N, C-alpha and C. Protein backbone atom coordinates (compact mmCIF):
# COMPACT_ATOMS: atom_id res chain seq x y z
N MET A 1 0.84 -1.16 0.00
CA MET A 1 0.00 0.00 0.00
C MET A 1 0.89 1.24 0.00
N PHE A 2 0.33 2.32 -0.55
CA PHE A 2 1.12 3.53 -0.74
C PHE A 2 0.30 4.76 -0.35
N CYS A 3 1.01 5.81 0.04
CA CYS A 3 0.38 7.09 0.35
C CYS A 3 -0.11 7.71 -0.95
N ASP A 4 -1.35 8.24 -0.94
CA ASP A 4 -1.90 8.83 -2.16
C ASP A 4 -1.38 10.25 -2.42
N LYS A 5 -0.57 10.81 -1.50
CA LYS A 5 -0.01 12.14 -1.71
C LYS A 5 1.44 12.07 -2.20
N CYS A 6 2.28 11.30 -1.46
CA CYS A 6 3.71 11.28 -1.82
C CYS A 6 4.17 9.94 -2.39
N GLY A 7 3.34 8.91 -2.29
CA GLY A 7 3.70 7.61 -2.86
C GLY A 7 4.57 6.75 -1.98
N ALA A 8 4.77 7.13 -0.73
CA ALA A 8 5.61 6.35 0.18
C ALA A 8 4.90 5.05 0.55
N PRO A 9 5.65 3.96 0.72
CA PRO A 9 5.02 2.72 1.15
C PRO A 9 4.50 2.84 2.58
N THR A 10 3.34 2.23 2.82
CA THR A 10 2.71 2.28 4.14
C THR A 10 2.27 0.90 4.56
N GLU A 11 1.98 0.75 5.83
CA GLU A 11 1.43 -0.49 6.38
C GLU A 11 -0.09 -0.40 6.38
N PRO A 12 -0.80 -1.52 6.33
CA PRO A 12 -2.26 -1.48 6.26
C PRO A 12 -2.91 -0.78 7.46
N GLU A 13 -2.35 -0.92 8.67
CA GLU A 13 -2.97 -0.33 9.86
C GLU A 13 -2.47 1.09 10.15
N GLN A 14 -1.60 1.62 9.35
CA GLN A 14 -1.01 2.94 9.55
C GLN A 14 -2.03 4.03 9.23
N ARG A 15 -2.18 5.06 10.14
CA ARG A 15 -3.15 6.14 9.95
C ARG A 15 -2.51 7.38 9.34
N PHE A 16 -1.19 7.58 9.51
CA PHE A 16 -0.49 8.75 9.00
C PHE A 16 0.71 8.30 8.17
N CYS A 17 1.01 9.06 7.13
CA CYS A 17 2.17 8.77 6.29
C CYS A 17 3.43 9.15 7.05
N SER A 18 4.41 8.27 7.05
CA SER A 18 5.66 8.54 7.76
C SER A 18 6.52 9.57 7.03
N ARG A 19 6.29 9.78 5.75
CA ARG A 19 7.10 10.73 4.98
C ARG A 19 6.47 12.13 4.97
N CYS A 20 5.18 12.25 4.62
CA CYS A 20 4.59 13.57 4.47
C CYS A 20 3.61 13.93 5.59
N GLY A 21 3.20 12.98 6.43
CA GLY A 21 2.31 13.24 7.55
C GLY A 21 0.84 13.28 7.19
N ARG A 22 0.48 12.96 5.96
CA ARG A 22 -0.93 12.97 5.55
C ARG A 22 -1.71 11.90 6.31
N GLU A 23 -2.94 12.27 6.75
CA GLU A 23 -3.80 11.31 7.44
C GLU A 23 -4.60 10.54 6.39
N PHE A 24 -4.70 9.25 6.60
CA PHE A 24 -5.45 8.40 5.68
C PHE A 24 -6.87 8.28 6.19
N ALA A 25 -7.82 8.87 5.46
CA ALA A 25 -9.21 8.82 5.86
C ALA A 25 -9.79 7.44 5.55
N GLY A 26 -9.58 6.99 4.35
CA GLY A 26 -10.13 5.70 3.97
C GLY A 26 -9.06 4.65 3.84
N GLY A 27 -7.88 4.91 4.34
CA GLY A 27 -6.78 3.98 4.19
C GLY A 27 -5.88 4.40 3.04
N ALA A 28 -4.79 3.76 2.94
CA ALA A 28 -3.83 4.07 1.89
C ALA A 28 -4.30 3.49 0.56
N ILE A 29 -3.73 3.98 -0.50
CA ILE A 29 -4.09 3.50 -1.84
C ILE A 29 -3.34 2.21 -2.12
N THR A 30 -4.04 1.26 -2.66
CA THR A 30 -3.39 0.04 -3.12
C THR A 30 -3.47 0.02 -4.64
N PHE A 31 -2.37 -0.34 -5.27
CA PHE A 31 -2.34 -0.43 -6.71
C PHE A 31 -2.59 -1.87 -7.12
N PRO A 32 -3.38 -2.07 -8.16
CA PRO A 32 -3.61 -3.44 -8.58
C PRO A 32 -2.31 -4.07 -9.07
N ARG A 33 -2.11 -5.29 -8.69
CA ARG A 33 -0.88 -5.99 -9.08
C ARG A 33 -1.01 -6.49 -10.51
N ARG A 34 -0.05 -6.13 -11.32
CA ARG A 34 -0.06 -6.55 -12.72
C ARG A 34 0.46 -7.98 -12.81
N SER A 35 -0.23 -8.80 -13.57
CA SER A 35 0.18 -10.19 -13.67
C SER A 35 1.48 -10.31 -14.45
N ARG A 36 2.20 -11.39 -14.20
CA ARG A 36 3.48 -11.62 -14.85
C ARG A 36 3.30 -11.79 -16.35
N VAL A 37 2.25 -12.48 -16.75
CA VAL A 37 2.02 -12.75 -18.17
C VAL A 37 1.65 -11.46 -18.90
N ALA A 38 0.84 -10.62 -18.29
CA ALA A 38 0.38 -9.40 -18.95
C ALA A 38 1.54 -8.48 -19.29
N GLY A 39 2.57 -8.48 -18.48
CA GLY A 39 3.72 -7.62 -18.74
C GLY A 39 4.58 -8.08 -19.90
N HIS A 40 4.41 -9.32 -20.33
CA HIS A 40 5.28 -9.88 -21.37
C HIS A 40 4.57 -10.21 -22.68
N ILE A 41 3.24 -10.20 -22.69
CA ILE A 41 2.51 -10.64 -23.89
C ILE A 41 2.80 -9.76 -25.10
N ARG A 42 2.78 -8.46 -24.94
CA ARG A 42 3.03 -7.56 -26.07
C ARG A 42 4.43 -7.76 -26.64
N LEU A 43 5.42 -7.84 -25.75
CA LEU A 43 6.80 -8.06 -26.22
C LEU A 43 6.93 -9.40 -26.93
N LEU A 44 6.30 -10.43 -26.39
CA LEU A 44 6.34 -11.74 -27.06
C LEU A 44 5.73 -11.67 -28.45
N GLY A 45 4.60 -11.01 -28.58
CA GLY A 45 3.97 -10.88 -29.89
C GLY A 45 4.87 -10.17 -30.90
N ILE A 46 5.50 -9.09 -30.47
CA ILE A 46 6.40 -8.34 -31.36
C ILE A 46 7.62 -9.19 -31.73
N LEU A 47 8.19 -9.90 -30.76
CA LEU A 47 9.36 -10.73 -31.05
C LEU A 47 9.02 -11.89 -31.99
N TRP A 48 7.81 -12.46 -31.85
CA TRP A 48 7.42 -13.53 -32.77
C TRP A 48 7.22 -12.99 -34.18
N LEU A 49 6.70 -11.78 -34.30
CA LEU A 49 6.57 -11.18 -35.63
C LEU A 49 7.95 -10.92 -36.23
N ALA A 50 8.90 -10.47 -35.43
CA ALA A 50 10.26 -10.19 -35.92
C ALA A 50 10.96 -11.48 -36.35
N LEU A 51 10.87 -12.53 -35.53
CA LEU A 51 11.49 -13.80 -35.90
C LEU A 51 10.85 -14.38 -37.15
N SER A 52 9.55 -14.21 -37.28
CA SER A 52 8.86 -14.71 -38.46
C SER A 52 9.28 -13.95 -39.71
N ALA A 53 9.58 -12.67 -39.57
CA ALA A 53 10.07 -11.91 -40.72
C ALA A 53 11.44 -12.44 -41.17
N LEU A 54 12.29 -12.78 -40.20
CA LEU A 54 13.59 -13.38 -40.56
C LEU A 54 13.39 -14.74 -41.23
N ASN A 55 12.47 -15.53 -40.71
CA ASN A 55 12.18 -16.83 -41.32
C ASN A 55 11.61 -16.66 -42.72
N LEU A 56 10.79 -15.65 -42.91
CA LEU A 56 10.21 -15.39 -44.23
C LEU A 56 11.31 -15.08 -45.25
N MET A 57 12.26 -14.23 -44.85
CA MET A 57 13.36 -13.91 -45.77
C MET A 57 14.19 -15.15 -46.09
N GLY A 58 14.48 -15.97 -45.08
CA GLY A 58 15.24 -17.20 -45.31
C GLY A 58 14.49 -18.18 -46.18
N GLY A 59 13.19 -18.32 -45.96
CA GLY A 59 12.38 -19.23 -46.77
C GLY A 59 12.29 -18.79 -48.22
N ILE A 60 12.14 -17.49 -48.44
CA ILE A 60 12.10 -16.97 -49.81
C ILE A 60 13.44 -17.20 -50.50
N PHE A 61 14.54 -16.96 -49.77
CA PHE A 61 15.87 -17.18 -50.35
C PHE A 61 16.05 -18.64 -50.75
N LEU A 62 15.70 -19.57 -49.87
CA LEU A 62 15.84 -20.99 -50.19
C LEU A 62 14.96 -21.40 -51.36
N PHE A 63 13.75 -20.90 -51.39
CA PHE A 63 12.82 -21.25 -52.46
C PHE A 63 13.30 -20.71 -53.81
N VAL A 64 13.77 -19.47 -53.82
CA VAL A 64 14.30 -18.88 -55.06
C VAL A 64 15.57 -19.61 -55.49
N LEU A 65 16.44 -19.92 -54.54
CA LEU A 65 17.66 -20.67 -54.85
C LEU A 65 17.32 -22.02 -55.47
N ALA A 66 16.34 -22.70 -54.90
CA ALA A 66 15.96 -24.02 -55.41
C ALA A 66 15.40 -23.94 -56.81
N ASN A 67 14.62 -22.92 -57.10
CA ASN A 67 13.95 -22.87 -58.40
C ASN A 67 14.71 -22.09 -59.46
N ALA A 68 15.68 -21.28 -59.09
CA ALA A 68 16.41 -20.51 -60.09
C ALA A 68 17.81 -21.05 -60.35
N PHE A 69 18.44 -21.62 -59.34
CA PHE A 69 19.84 -22.03 -59.49
C PHE A 69 19.97 -23.52 -59.80
N PHE A 70 19.36 -24.37 -59.02
CA PHE A 70 19.60 -25.80 -59.17
C PHE A 70 19.08 -26.43 -60.46
N PRO A 71 17.97 -25.96 -61.04
CA PRO A 71 17.57 -26.56 -62.31
C PRO A 71 18.58 -26.30 -63.44
N HIS A 72 19.38 -25.27 -63.34
CA HIS A 72 20.35 -24.92 -64.38
C HIS A 72 21.79 -25.17 -63.92
N LEU A 73 21.95 -26.00 -62.92
CA LEU A 73 23.27 -26.24 -62.35
C LEU A 73 24.23 -26.87 -63.35
N HIS A 74 23.75 -27.79 -64.17
CA HIS A 74 24.65 -28.48 -65.12
C HIS A 74 25.02 -27.61 -66.32
N GLU A 75 24.37 -26.47 -66.49
CA GLU A 75 24.71 -25.56 -67.57
C GLU A 75 25.90 -24.69 -67.22
N LEU A 76 26.27 -24.64 -65.93
CA LEU A 76 27.39 -23.82 -65.50
C LEU A 76 28.71 -24.52 -65.82
N PRO A 77 29.76 -23.75 -66.10
CA PRO A 77 31.06 -24.38 -66.39
C PRO A 77 31.69 -24.94 -65.11
N ASN A 78 32.50 -25.95 -65.26
CA ASN A 78 33.26 -26.59 -64.19
C ASN A 78 32.39 -27.25 -63.12
N VAL A 79 31.18 -27.65 -63.46
CA VAL A 79 30.32 -28.38 -62.53
C VAL A 79 30.33 -29.84 -62.95
N PRO A 80 30.75 -30.74 -62.07
CA PRO A 80 30.77 -32.16 -62.44
C PRO A 80 29.38 -32.68 -62.78
N ARG A 81 29.33 -33.67 -63.64
CA ARG A 81 28.06 -34.24 -64.08
C ARG A 81 27.40 -35.08 -62.99
N ASP A 82 28.16 -35.52 -61.99
CA ASP A 82 27.57 -36.39 -60.97
C ASP A 82 26.93 -35.61 -59.81
N VAL A 83 26.85 -34.29 -59.90
CA VAL A 83 26.17 -33.48 -58.88
C VAL A 83 24.67 -33.72 -59.02
N PRO A 84 24.00 -34.11 -57.93
CA PRO A 84 22.56 -34.42 -58.02
C PRO A 84 21.70 -33.15 -58.02
N ALA A 85 21.63 -32.48 -59.14
CA ALA A 85 20.90 -31.20 -59.23
C ALA A 85 19.41 -31.38 -58.97
N GLY A 86 18.85 -32.46 -59.45
CA GLY A 86 17.42 -32.70 -59.23
C GLY A 86 17.10 -32.92 -57.75
N PHE A 87 17.97 -33.67 -57.08
CA PHE A 87 17.77 -33.89 -55.65
C PHE A 87 17.92 -32.60 -54.87
N LEU A 88 18.95 -31.80 -55.19
CA LEU A 88 19.16 -30.53 -54.50
C LEU A 88 18.01 -29.56 -54.76
N HIS A 89 17.48 -29.57 -55.99
CA HIS A 89 16.33 -28.73 -56.31
C HIS A 89 15.15 -29.10 -55.43
N SER A 90 14.86 -30.37 -55.32
CA SER A 90 13.74 -30.84 -54.48
C SER A 90 13.99 -30.57 -53.01
N LEU A 91 15.19 -30.86 -52.54
CA LEU A 91 15.52 -30.67 -51.12
C LEU A 91 15.39 -29.21 -50.70
N PHE A 92 16.01 -28.32 -51.45
CA PHE A 92 15.96 -26.90 -51.09
C PHE A 92 14.55 -26.33 -51.25
N GLY A 93 13.81 -26.84 -52.22
CA GLY A 93 12.42 -26.39 -52.39
C GLY A 93 11.55 -26.80 -51.21
N ILE A 94 11.70 -28.04 -50.74
CA ILE A 94 10.92 -28.52 -49.60
C ILE A 94 11.32 -27.79 -48.32
N ILE A 95 12.62 -27.63 -48.10
CA ILE A 95 13.07 -26.91 -46.89
C ILE A 95 12.59 -25.46 -46.93
N GLY A 96 12.67 -24.81 -48.09
CA GLY A 96 12.18 -23.44 -48.22
C GLY A 96 10.69 -23.34 -47.94
N ALA A 97 9.92 -24.30 -48.46
CA ALA A 97 8.47 -24.30 -48.21
C ALA A 97 8.17 -24.51 -46.73
N LEU A 98 8.91 -25.39 -46.07
CA LEU A 98 8.69 -25.61 -44.62
C LEU A 98 9.04 -24.37 -43.81
N VAL A 99 10.10 -23.68 -44.19
CA VAL A 99 10.47 -22.45 -43.48
C VAL A 99 9.40 -21.37 -43.70
N LEU A 100 8.83 -21.32 -44.89
CA LEU A 100 7.75 -20.37 -45.16
C LEU A 100 6.50 -20.69 -44.34
N VAL A 101 6.19 -21.97 -44.19
CA VAL A 101 5.05 -22.37 -43.36
C VAL A 101 5.31 -22.01 -41.89
N LYS A 102 6.55 -22.23 -41.44
CA LYS A 102 6.91 -21.85 -40.06
C LYS A 102 6.80 -20.35 -39.87
N ALA A 103 7.19 -19.57 -40.87
CA ALA A 103 7.08 -18.12 -40.78
C ALA A 103 5.62 -17.69 -40.70
N ALA A 104 4.77 -18.32 -41.51
CA ALA A 104 3.34 -17.99 -41.48
C ALA A 104 2.73 -18.32 -40.11
N ALA A 105 3.11 -19.47 -39.55
CA ALA A 105 2.61 -19.83 -38.22
C ALA A 105 3.12 -18.85 -37.16
N GLY A 106 4.35 -18.39 -37.29
CA GLY A 106 4.90 -17.41 -36.35
C GLY A 106 4.20 -16.08 -36.45
N PHE A 107 3.89 -15.64 -37.69
CA PHE A 107 3.13 -14.40 -37.85
C PHE A 107 1.75 -14.54 -37.21
N LEU A 108 1.13 -15.69 -37.39
CA LEU A 108 -0.18 -15.93 -36.80
C LEU A 108 -0.10 -15.92 -35.28
N ALA A 109 0.93 -16.54 -34.72
CA ALA A 109 1.10 -16.56 -33.26
C ALA A 109 1.35 -15.16 -32.72
N GLY A 110 2.21 -14.40 -33.38
CA GLY A 110 2.50 -13.03 -32.93
C GLY A 110 1.26 -12.15 -32.99
N TRP A 111 0.52 -12.23 -34.08
CA TRP A 111 -0.70 -11.46 -34.20
C TRP A 111 -1.72 -11.89 -33.15
N GLY A 112 -1.84 -13.20 -32.94
CA GLY A 112 -2.78 -13.71 -31.93
C GLY A 112 -2.44 -13.24 -30.53
N LEU A 113 -1.15 -13.20 -30.20
CA LEU A 113 -0.76 -12.70 -28.88
C LEU A 113 -1.09 -11.22 -28.74
N LEU A 114 -0.81 -10.44 -29.77
CA LEU A 114 -1.10 -9.01 -29.70
C LEU A 114 -2.59 -8.73 -29.61
N GLN A 115 -3.41 -9.59 -30.22
CA GLN A 115 -4.85 -9.41 -30.18
C GLN A 115 -5.50 -10.15 -29.00
N ARG A 116 -4.69 -10.84 -28.20
CA ARG A 116 -5.16 -11.61 -27.04
C ARG A 116 -6.21 -12.66 -27.44
N GLU A 117 -5.88 -13.41 -28.48
CA GLU A 117 -6.75 -14.49 -28.93
C GLU A 117 -6.56 -15.71 -28.03
N SER A 118 -7.62 -16.46 -27.80
CA SER A 118 -7.55 -17.58 -26.85
C SER A 118 -6.66 -18.72 -27.36
N TRP A 119 -6.57 -18.93 -28.67
CA TRP A 119 -5.79 -20.02 -29.24
C TRP A 119 -4.31 -19.68 -29.36
N ALA A 120 -3.94 -18.41 -29.22
CA ALA A 120 -2.57 -17.98 -29.50
C ALA A 120 -1.56 -18.53 -28.50
N ARG A 121 -1.96 -18.71 -27.25
CA ARG A 121 -1.02 -19.20 -26.24
C ARG A 121 -0.53 -20.61 -26.61
N MET A 122 -1.45 -21.50 -26.96
CA MET A 122 -1.05 -22.87 -27.27
C MET A 122 -0.23 -22.94 -28.55
N LEU A 123 -0.62 -22.18 -29.57
CA LEU A 123 0.16 -22.16 -30.82
C LEU A 123 1.57 -21.64 -30.55
N THR A 124 1.69 -20.62 -29.74
CA THR A 124 3.00 -20.04 -29.44
C THR A 124 3.86 -21.00 -28.65
N ILE A 125 3.27 -21.76 -27.74
CA ILE A 125 4.04 -22.75 -26.98
C ILE A 125 4.58 -23.84 -27.91
N VAL A 126 3.75 -24.30 -28.83
CA VAL A 126 4.21 -25.32 -29.79
C VAL A 126 5.35 -24.77 -30.65
N LEU A 127 5.18 -23.55 -31.15
CA LEU A 127 6.23 -22.94 -31.96
C LEU A 127 7.50 -22.67 -31.15
N ALA A 128 7.34 -22.39 -29.85
CA ALA A 128 8.51 -22.16 -29.00
C ALA A 128 9.36 -23.41 -28.90
N PHE A 129 8.73 -24.57 -28.77
CA PHE A 129 9.50 -25.81 -28.72
C PHE A 129 10.24 -26.05 -30.04
N LEU A 130 9.59 -25.75 -31.16
CA LEU A 130 10.25 -25.90 -32.46
C LEU A 130 11.37 -24.87 -32.64
N ALA A 131 11.18 -23.67 -32.09
CA ALA A 131 12.17 -22.60 -32.24
C ALA A 131 13.43 -22.86 -31.43
N LEU A 132 13.38 -23.75 -30.46
CA LEU A 132 14.57 -24.04 -29.65
C LEU A 132 15.74 -24.53 -30.50
N PHE A 133 15.44 -25.14 -31.64
CA PHE A 133 16.48 -25.65 -32.53
C PHE A 133 17.03 -24.59 -33.48
N ASN A 134 16.42 -23.41 -33.50
CA ASN A 134 16.80 -22.33 -34.41
C ASN A 134 17.77 -21.39 -33.69
N VAL A 135 19.04 -21.79 -33.64
CA VAL A 135 20.07 -21.06 -32.89
C VAL A 135 20.45 -19.80 -33.67
N PRO A 136 20.68 -18.68 -33.07
CA PRO A 136 20.58 -18.30 -31.67
C PRO A 136 19.27 -17.60 -31.32
N PHE A 137 18.65 -16.92 -32.33
CA PHE A 137 17.46 -16.11 -32.03
C PHE A 137 16.26 -16.96 -31.65
N GLY A 138 16.04 -18.03 -32.37
CA GLY A 138 14.91 -18.90 -32.06
C GLY A 138 15.05 -19.55 -30.70
N THR A 139 16.27 -19.94 -30.35
CA THR A 139 16.51 -20.54 -29.04
C THR A 139 16.19 -19.55 -27.93
N ALA A 140 16.66 -18.34 -28.08
CA ALA A 140 16.40 -17.31 -27.06
C ALA A 140 14.91 -17.01 -26.96
N LEU A 141 14.24 -16.85 -28.10
CA LEU A 141 12.81 -16.56 -28.06
C LEU A 141 12.01 -17.76 -27.56
N GLY A 142 12.45 -18.96 -27.90
CA GLY A 142 11.76 -20.15 -27.40
C GLY A 142 11.84 -20.26 -25.88
N ILE A 143 13.02 -20.02 -25.34
CA ILE A 143 13.19 -20.08 -23.89
C ILE A 143 12.35 -18.99 -23.21
N TYR A 144 12.40 -17.78 -23.75
CA TYR A 144 11.63 -16.68 -23.18
C TYR A 144 10.12 -16.97 -23.24
N THR A 145 9.67 -17.50 -24.37
CA THR A 145 8.25 -17.83 -24.53
C THR A 145 7.82 -18.90 -23.54
N LEU A 146 8.62 -19.94 -23.40
CA LEU A 146 8.27 -21.00 -22.47
C LEU A 146 8.30 -20.50 -21.03
N TRP A 147 9.22 -19.61 -20.71
CA TRP A 147 9.28 -19.05 -19.36
C TRP A 147 8.02 -18.23 -19.05
N VAL A 148 7.50 -17.52 -20.05
CA VAL A 148 6.32 -16.68 -19.82
C VAL A 148 5.04 -17.50 -19.87
N LEU A 149 4.85 -18.34 -20.87
CA LEU A 149 3.55 -18.96 -21.14
C LEU A 149 3.37 -20.37 -20.62
N LEU A 150 4.43 -21.07 -20.25
CA LEU A 150 4.28 -22.48 -19.90
C LEU A 150 3.85 -22.76 -18.47
N PRO A 151 4.19 -21.97 -17.46
CA PRO A 151 3.78 -22.31 -16.10
C PRO A 151 2.26 -22.47 -15.97
N ALA A 152 1.84 -23.26 -15.00
CA ALA A 152 0.42 -23.55 -14.82
C ALA A 152 -0.39 -22.28 -14.56
N ALA A 153 0.15 -21.37 -13.79
CA ALA A 153 -0.57 -20.13 -13.48
C ALA A 153 -0.68 -19.22 -14.71
N ALA A 154 0.18 -19.42 -15.70
CA ALA A 154 0.16 -18.57 -16.88
C ALA A 154 -1.11 -18.76 -17.70
N ASP A 155 -1.67 -19.98 -17.69
CA ASP A 155 -2.91 -20.23 -18.43
C ASP A 155 -4.04 -19.38 -17.87
N ALA A 156 -4.20 -19.37 -16.55
CA ALA A 156 -5.26 -18.57 -15.93
C ALA A 156 -5.03 -17.07 -16.18
N GLU A 157 -3.79 -16.63 -16.07
CA GLU A 157 -3.50 -15.21 -16.31
C GLU A 157 -3.77 -14.83 -17.76
N TYR A 158 -3.39 -15.71 -18.69
CA TYR A 158 -3.62 -15.41 -20.10
C TYR A 158 -5.12 -15.39 -20.41
N GLN A 159 -5.86 -16.34 -19.87
CA GLN A 159 -7.31 -16.35 -20.10
C GLN A 159 -7.97 -15.10 -19.54
N GLN A 160 -7.45 -14.60 -18.42
CA GLN A 160 -7.95 -13.34 -17.87
C GLN A 160 -7.67 -12.19 -18.84
N GLN A 161 -6.50 -12.19 -19.47
CA GLN A 161 -6.16 -11.18 -20.47
C GLN A 161 -7.10 -11.29 -21.68
N VAL A 162 -7.43 -12.52 -22.07
CA VAL A 162 -8.34 -12.72 -23.20
C VAL A 162 -9.73 -12.17 -22.86
N ARG A 163 -10.20 -12.46 -21.65
CA ARG A 163 -11.53 -11.96 -21.25
C ARG A 163 -11.56 -10.44 -21.17
N SER A 164 -10.49 -9.85 -20.62
CA SER A 164 -10.46 -8.39 -20.51
C SER A 164 -10.32 -7.73 -21.88
N ALA A 165 -9.61 -8.37 -22.81
CA ALA A 165 -9.51 -7.82 -24.17
C ALA A 165 -10.83 -7.97 -24.91
N GLY A 166 -11.56 -9.04 -24.63
CA GLY A 166 -12.86 -9.24 -25.28
C GLY A 166 -13.91 -8.28 -24.75
N ALA A 167 -13.78 -7.88 -23.48
CA ALA A 167 -14.74 -6.95 -22.90
C ALA A 167 -14.50 -5.52 -23.38
N ALA A 168 -13.27 -5.23 -23.77
CA ALA A 168 -12.94 -3.85 -24.17
C ALA A 168 -13.35 -3.52 -25.56
């Protein structure tokens, strides 16, 4: 509890502020305690959007590389004939497509967190486990996401945020 004049901390049974001497008619002011999850949701949403933008650029690069470079690999000088251009074309195309899907899911998770959607917490937790293998940024964001959203109390706090966002 705090004094409503100077902001000094007070005890619940205290009648006068020890700093400014103000008398508490109705008691000292108490500030509502902000939940741990509420303080981190916006930052998590922004970070997921940023990581997804990086994934989008990487996925586009891999997809363009697969479709522009590897089909014409044997036309280049000094390239051995035993290079598996067809396999590399398929491999890089599939990896690029998977990275693009991961980027789309990350954009969806980031947007869902910013909008306080009820499904966004679970999607973000799943993506956080997958991001742990994406060193260094994905690992850091995955650990931070799991620290914020995975504890048992975080579900109740997040659902409270969803209800308050829906009421507003």
